[in-house]
Amino acid sequence: MSSWRDCETAAGQRLRHTIEFPDESTPTRKARPAGVMGAEIWVKIDGPPPVDPGELTFLAVDTRTPYVTEFDGADGGKTAHYMLRWINSRAETGPWSQTVSATIGA
């Protein structure tokens, strides 16, 4: 599988993040790498960034960038830490992305 360019998170709307996950080999295109079904998206809300993927909660498998996630009001002002990885149609996963963090606008 192709490796990641860091995922990008656009924060700016109240209680919503838009997560862009381009392939590092074609960062200006929305196409997935060859053989990839989509991206697994994981998050940790609040506290320090995760040091291990076991600290994350699964959000979704998305087949098209961008992915939009919405939060409850109680999460406003907290930091969301994201890690993603590619997954193919045989459920084989690629390496984890770098952690990307953004404040959840209240």
Protein backbone atom coordinates (compact mmCIF):
# COMPACT_ATOMS: atom_id res chain seq x y z
CA MET A 1 0.00 0.00 0.00
CA SER A 2 1.05 3.55 -0.58
CA SER A 3 2.20 5.54 2.41
CA TRP A 4 0.47 8.55 3.94
CA ARG A 5 1.08 12.16 3.65
CA ASP A 6 -0.12 13.57 6.98
CA CYS A 7 -3.88 13.84 7.05
CA GLU A 8 -5.15 17.38 7.23
CA THR A 9 -7.91 18.55 9.54
CA ALA A 10 -9.89 21.69 8.85
CA ALA A 11 -11.36 22.99 12.08
CA GLY A 12 -13.37 26.16 11.89
CA GLN A 13 -16.95 25.10 12.09
CA ARG A 14 -18.69 24.65 15.39
CA LEU A 15 -18.53 21.03 16.63
CA ARG A 16 -17.33 19.75 13.24
CA HIS A 17 -14.04 18.65 11.69
CA THR A 18 -13.37 17.96 8.04
CA ILE A 19 -10.59 15.41 7.55
CA GLU A 20 -8.72 15.31 4.25
CA PHE A 21 -6.55 12.25 3.57
CA PRO A 22 -4.62 12.51 0.32
CA ASP A 23 -2.13 9.89 -0.85
CA GLU A 24 1.39 11.29 -0.53
CA SER A 25 2.24 10.22 -4.09
CA THR A 26 -0.62 12.34 -5.53
CA PRO A 27 -1.30 15.03 -2.88
CA THR A 28 -3.26 17.33 -5.21
CA ARG A 29 -5.70 14.60 -6.29
CA LYS A 30 -8.50 12.93 -4.35
CA ALA A 31 -7.77 9.46 -5.78
CA ARG A 32 -6.91 6.63 -3.41
CA PRO A 33 -3.76 4.60 -3.98
CA ALA A 34 -4.14 1.59 -6.28
CA GLY A 35 -5.74 -1.40 -4.53
CA VAL A 36 -7.01 0.65 -1.58
CA MET A 37 -10.68 0.51 -0.59
CA GLY A 38 -10.54 3.49 1.79
CA ALA A 39 -9.12 4.92 4.97
CA GLU A 40 -9.76 3.82 8.54
CA ILE A 41 -10.25 6.93 10.68
CA TRP A 42 -9.53 6.78 14.41
CA VAL A 43 -9.70 9.49 17.09
CA LYS A 44 -8.81 10.24 20.69
CA ILE A 45 -10.71 13.12 22.25
CA ASP A 46 -9.03 15.22 24.95
CA GLY A 47 -5.81 14.69 26.81
CA PRO A 48 -2.36 14.38 25.29
CA PRO A 49 -1.85 12.92 21.79
CA PRO A 50 -1.92 9.12 21.73
CA VAL A 51 1.37 7.29 22.07
CA ASP A 52 -0.22 4.00 20.99
CA PRO A 53 -3.11 3.21 18.58
CA GLY A 54 -4.77 1.33 21.46
CA GLU A 55 -5.78 4.73 22.89
CA LEU A 56 -7.89 5.52 19.82
CA THR A 57 -11.59 5.00 19.11
CA PHE A 58 -12.69 3.87 15.66
CA LEU A 59 -14.73 6.48 13.74
CA ALA A 60 -15.27 5.06 10.25
CA VAL A 61 -13.91 3.61 7.06
CA ASP A 62 -14.26 6.30 4.40
CA THR A 63 -13.85 5.64 0.70
CA ARG A 64 -13.63 9.30 -0.38
CA THR A 65 -11.82 12.29 1.02
CA PRO A 66 -12.90 14.41 2.85
CA TYR A 67 -14.58 12.83 5.88
CA VAL A 68 -16.73 15.08 8.07
CA THR A 69 -17.27 14.25 11.72
CA GLU A 70 -19.57 16.02 14.16
CA PHE A 71 -19.19 16.21 17.93
CA ASP A 72 -21.52 16.60 20.91
CA GLY A 73 -21.59 19.95 22.68
CA ALA A 74 -19.77 18.44 25.65
CA ASP A 75 -16.69 17.98 23.42
CA GLY A 76 -16.50 21.67 22.50
CA GLY A 77 -13.12 23.17 23.36
CA LYS A 78 -11.42 19.77 23.64
CA THR A 79 -8.72 18.54 21.30
CA ALA A 80 -9.34 15.69 18.86
CA HIS A 81 -6.29 13.63 17.90
CA TYR A 82 -6.61 11.66 14.65
CA MET A 83 -4.68 8.76 13.17
CA LEU A 84 -5.60 7.10 9.88
CA ARG A 85 -4.46 4.14 7.82
CA TRP A 86 -5.31 2.74 4.40
CA ILE A 87 -7.30 -0.49 4.15
CA ASN A 88 -7.72 -2.68 1.06
CA SER A 89 -10.62 -4.93 0.02
CA ARG A 90 -9.03 -7.90 1.84
CA ALA A 91 -9.10 -5.91 5.13
CA GLU A 92 -5.30 -5.56 5.11
CA THR A 93 -4.20 -2.29 6.66
CA GLY A 94 -1.26 -0.08 5.87
CA PRO A 95 0.92 1.88 8.29
CA TRP A 96 -0.52 4.52 10.61
CA SER A 97 -0.43 8.18 9.66
CA GLN A 98 1.22 10.76 11.85
CA THR A 99 -1.08 12.10 14.58
CA VAL A 100 -2.98 15.23 13.57
CA SER A 101 -4.69 17.27 16.28
CA ALA A 102 -7.31 20.03 16.17
CA THR A 103 -9.45 21.85 18.71
CA ILE A 104 -13.17 21.15 18.53
CA GLY A 105 -14.81 24.53 18.07
CA ALA A 106 -17.58 25.27 20.56
